[in-house]
């Protein structure tokens, strides 16, 4: 019999909290403060999974429950971009991404401390940026809208105007692929009461969501 549990979100991200809250679980926010140094020699998709697992394990040291952790990176030509340090770093990132197609990768880890079970996966999306002007870069970087987003732009806010083409799951791009989370919770025997499906940015249903992962 599936069991309903409180979810511990190992993140201070308001976007991730909003996504998890749509499942109608009781959610406790406990930022992990884990080491987010990129592991050397790992492929980008493995690196974000490693960091997501670090975050879950850091919270599990002092808390019991179902822990959900995630990490998002932008990848371009083998180079990974996390959150910018400041406006100048934000402008640098946008300059390097200008006019190019890059990948957004979100690693997600779910850990059930009562059973010791842990699962990890990753979601991949692709975005092509416009050939925007130096003035647009300066104005956007100064706005602060992209300081809390990998790659230095928030595609669900004003940063959307910097993009030319987007292909991928909206929640994955926002930092927490709900399709992956639903499947992980289902596989851990955790009941999801609200039938909710990920969607693409064009409004189409996410093809990765399994109907049997909801009830």
Protein backbone atom coordinates (compact mmCIF):
# COMPACT_ATOMS: atom_id res chain seq x y z
CA UNK A 1 0.00 0.00 0.00
CA UNK A 2 1.47 3.41 -0.99
CA UNK A 3 2.11 5.66 1.97
CA UNK A 4 1.82 9.41 2.21
CA UNK A 5 4.81 11.24 3.68
CA UNK A 6 6.08 14.76 4.30
CA UNK A 7 8.64 15.87 1.75
CA UNK A 8 11.81 17.68 2.80
CA UNK A 9 12.94 19.98 0.01
CA UNK A 10 16.71 20.43 0.22
CA UNK A 11 16.58 23.80 -1.52
CA UNK A 12 15.72 27.43 -0.84
CA UNK A 13 14.56 27.92 -4.45
CA UNK A 14 11.04 29.40 -4.58
CA UNK A 15 10.56 27.85 -8.03
CA UNK A 16 11.30 24.34 -6.74
CA UNK A 17 9.02 24.86 -3.74
CA UNK A 18 6.20 25.96 -6.05
CA UNK A 19 6.62 22.85 -8.20
CA UNK A 20 6.66 20.42 -5.26
CA UNK A 21 3.71 22.16 -3.59
CA UNK A 22 1.50 21.37 -6.56
CA UNK A 23 1.50 17.72 -5.43
CA UNK A 24 -0.37 18.72 -2.25
CA UNK A 25 2.23 17.24 0.05
CA UNK A 26 3.25 18.87 3.28
CA UNK A 27 6.66 20.33 2.36
CA UNK A 28 9.43 21.29 4.76
CA UNK A 29 12.18 23.48 3.30
CA UNK A 30 15.68 22.71 4.62
CA UNK A 31 18.48 24.16 2.42
CA UNK A 32 21.39 21.75 2.30
CA UNK A 33 24.36 24.15 2.25
CA UNK A 34 26.23 21.27 0.62
CA UNK A 35 29.46 21.59 -1.34
CA UNK A 36 28.47 22.46 -4.94
CA UNK A 37 31.99 22.24 -6.35
CA UNK A 38 31.82 20.50 -9.72
CA UNK A 39 33.30 17.01 -9.61
CA UNK A 40 36.31 16.73 -11.91
CA UNK A 41 36.20 14.41 -14.88
CA UNK A 42 32.45 13.75 -14.80
CA UNK A 43 30.14 14.32 -17.73
CA UNK A 44 27.69 17.24 -17.20
CA UNK A 45 24.69 14.95 -16.71
CA UNK A 46 26.61 12.94 -14.09
CA UNK A 47 27.92 16.08 -12.38
CA UNK A 48 24.45 17.49 -11.64
CA UNK A 49 23.32 14.12 -10.34
CA UNK A 50 26.37 13.97 -8.06
CA UNK A 51 25.70 17.43 -6.63
CA UNK A 52 21.98 16.70 -6.15
CA UNK A 53 22.93 13.57 -4.20
CA UNK A 54 25.39 15.58 -2.07
CA UNK A 55 22.55 17.94 -1.16
CA UNK A 56 20.23 15.11 -0.18
CA UNK A 57 22.91 13.39 1.88
CA UNK A 58 23.82 16.65 3.67
CA UNK A 59 20.21 17.14 4.81
CA UNK A 60 19.86 13.45 5.74
CA UNK A 61 22.68 13.76 8.28
CA UNK A 62 20.42 15.69 10.64
CA UNK A 63 16.88 15.07 9.35
CA UNK A 64 14.61 12.10 8.74
CA UNK A 65 12.06 11.84 5.93
CA UNK A 66 11.67 11.83 2.18
CA UNK A 67 14.31 14.25 0.92
CA UNK A 68 14.15 15.83 -2.53
CA UNK A 69 17.23 17.60 -3.85
CA UNK A 70 18.12 19.01 -7.26
CA UNK A 71 20.90 20.83 -9.07
CA UNK A 72 20.69 22.70 -12.38
CA UNK A 73 23.50 23.61 -14.76
CA UNK A 74 23.74 25.12 -18.23
CA UNK A 75 26.19 23.35 -20.57
CA UNK A 76 27.75 24.83 -23.70
CA UNK A 77 30.57 23.10 -25.54
CA UNK A 78 31.53 21.07 -22.47
CA UNK A 79 31.62 24.14 -20.19
CA UNK A 80 29.20 24.26 -17.27
CA UNK A 81 27.50 27.42 -16.01
CA UNK A 82 25.97 27.65 -12.58
CA UNK A 83 24.48 30.74 -10.93
CA UNK A 84 26.35 34.00 -11.55
CA UNK A 85 28.25 35.49 -8.63
CA UNK A 86 27.19 39.06 -9.42
CA UNK A 87 25.94 41.32 -12.23
CA UNK A 88 29.33 41.35 -13.97
CA UNK A 89 29.48 37.55 -13.95
CA UNK A 90 25.88 37.49 -15.18
CA UNK A 91 26.81 39.71 -18.13
CA UNK A 92 29.78 37.47 -18.97
CA UNK A 93 27.60 34.38 -19.08
CA UNK A 94 25.01 36.03 -21.30
CA UNK A 95 27.75 37.21 -23.66
CA UNK A 96 29.08 33.66 -24.01
CA UNK A 97 25.60 32.20 -24.57
CA UNK A 98 24.51 34.86 -27.08
CA UNK A 99 23.28 33.46 -30.39
CA UNK A 100 24.09 29.87 -29.38
CA UNK A 101 22.15 26.75 -28.54
CA UNK A 102 22.94 25.22 -25.18
CA UNK A 103 21.68 22.53 -22.83
CA UNK A 104 19.99 22.86 -19.45
CA UNK A 105 20.53 19.82 -17.23
CA UNK A 106 18.80 19.28 -13.90
CA UNK A 107 19.88 16.43 -11.64
CA UNK A 108 17.34 15.20 -9.08
CA UNK A 109 17.82 12.89 -6.10
CA UNK A 110 15.13 11.45 -3.84
CA UNK A 111 16.12 9.75 -0.58
CA UNK A 112 13.89 7.94 1.90
CA UNK A 113 15.81 7.89 5.17
CA UNK A 114 13.41 5.35 6.74
CA UNK A 115 14.41 2.67 4.24
CA UNK A 116 17.79 3.95 3.06
CA UNK A 117 16.55 3.93 -0.53
CA UNK A 118 17.97 6.60 -2.83
CA UNK A 119 17.24 7.34 -6.48
CA UNK A 120 18.83 9.84 -8.84
CA UNK A 121 18.14 10.92 -12.40
CA UNK A 122 18.53 13.91 -14.71
CA UNK A 123 16.39 15.96 -17.09
CA UNK A 124 17.76 17.57 -20.25
CA UNK A 125 16.33 20.54 -22.20
CA UNK A 126 17.71 22.71 -25.00
CA UNK A 127 17.56 26.48 -25.47
CA UNK A 128 18.81 28.70 -28.28
CA UNK A 129 19.51 32.34 -27.39
CA UNK A 130 18.83 35.35 -29.59
CA UNK A 131 21.63 37.49 -30.94
CA UNK A 132 20.75 40.14 -28.38
CA UNK A 133 22.61 43.42 -28.02
CA UNK A 134 25.22 44.49 -25.48
CA UNK A 135 22.64 46.93 -24.10
CA UNK A 136 20.17 44.10 -23.51
CA UNK A 137 22.87 42.15 -21.69
CA UNK A 138 23.74 45.11 -19.47
CA UNK A 139 20.12 45.92 -18.68
CA UNK A 140 19.18 42.34 -17.87
CA UNK A 141 22.27 41.71 -15.75
CA UNK A 142 21.59 44.91 -13.80
CA UNK A 143 17.99 43.84 -13.13
CA UNK A 144 19.09 40.91 -10.95
CA UNK A 145 16.48 38.62 -12.52
CA UNK A 146 19.09 36.05 -13.53
CA UNK A 147 21.21 35.93 -10.38
CA UNK A 148 19.36 32.92 -8.98
CA UNK A 149 19.39 30.93 -12.23
CA UNK A 150 21.96 28.68 -13.88
CA UNK A 151 23.41 30.41 -16.91
CA UNK A 152 22.38 33.81 -15.63
CA UNK A 153 18.84 34.05 -17.00
CA UNK A 154 15.40 33.03 -15.78
CA UNK A 155 13.45 31.58 -18.69
CA UNK A 156 10.20 31.70 -16.69
CA UNK A 157 10.58 35.44 -16.12
CA UNK A 158 12.13 38.36 -18.03
CA UNK A 159 14.94 36.12 -19.29
CA UNK A 160 12.47 34.49 -21.68
CA UNK A 161 12.88 37.53 -23.95
CA UNK A 162 16.56 36.62 -24.48
CA UNK A 163 15.69 33.23 -25.98
CA UNK A 164 14.96 32.29 -29.59
CA UNK A 165 13.89 28.65 -29.32
CA UNK A 166 13.12 26.34 -26.39
CA UNK A 167 12.70 22.58 -26.34
CA UNK A 168 12.09 20.83 -23.05
CA UNK A 169 10.05 20.31 -19.92
CA UNK A 170 9.03 23.56 -18.21
CA UNK A 171 9.55 22.22 -14.70
CA UNK A 172 12.92 20.74 -15.64
CA UNK A 173 14.03 24.11 -16.95
CA UNK A 174 12.70 25.77 -13.78
CA UNK A 175 14.89 23.49 -11.68
CA UNK A 176 12.82 20.43 -10.70
CA UNK A 177 11.53 17.96 -13.33
CA UNK A 178 8.19 16.89 -11.91
CA UNK A 179 7.97 13.97 -14.34
CA UNK A 180 11.12 12.49 -12.80
CA UNK A 181 10.00 13.27 -9.25
CA UNK A 182 6.61 11.59 -9.75
CA UNK A 183 8.23 8.41 -11.00
CA UNK A 184 10.76 8.34 -8.16
CA UNK A 185 8.07 8.83 -5.50
CA UNK A 186 5.98 6.11 -7.10
CA UNK A 187 8.91 3.71 -7.13
CA UNK A 188 9.53 4.44 -3.45
CA UNK A 189 5.90 3.56 -2.68
CA UNK A 190 4.93 7.13 -1.81
CA UNK A 191 1.38 8.12 -2.67
CA UNK A 192 0.76 11.15 -4.88
CA UNK A 193 -2.81 12.37 -4.32
CA UNK A 194 -3.12 14.92 -7.11
CA UNK A 195 -2.86 13.85 -10.74
CA UNK A 196 -0.51 16.42 -12.21
CA UNK A 197 1.50 16.23 -15.39
CA UNK A 198 4.59 18.11 -16.41
CA UNK A 199 4.20 20.23 -19.50
CA UNK A 200 6.38 21.63 -22.22
CA UNK A 201 6.76 25.39 -22.54
CA UNK A 202 4.36 25.30 -25.51
CA UNK A 203 1.67 23.80 -23.26
CA UNK A 204 1.90 20.22 -24.53
CA UNK A 205 2.06 17.43 -21.91
CA UNK A 206 5.56 16.29 -20.99
CA UNK A 207 6.12 12.94 -22.74
CA UNK A 208 8.17 11.66 -19.80
CA UNK A 209 5.33 11.64 -17.25
CA UNK A 210 4.00 8.18 -16.47
CA UNK A 211 0.22 8.16 -15.80
CA UNK A 212 0.61 5.22 -13.37
CA UNK A 213 2.89 7.37 -11.19
CA UNK A 214 -0.14 9.28 -9.93
CA UNK A 215 -3.36 8.29 -8.23
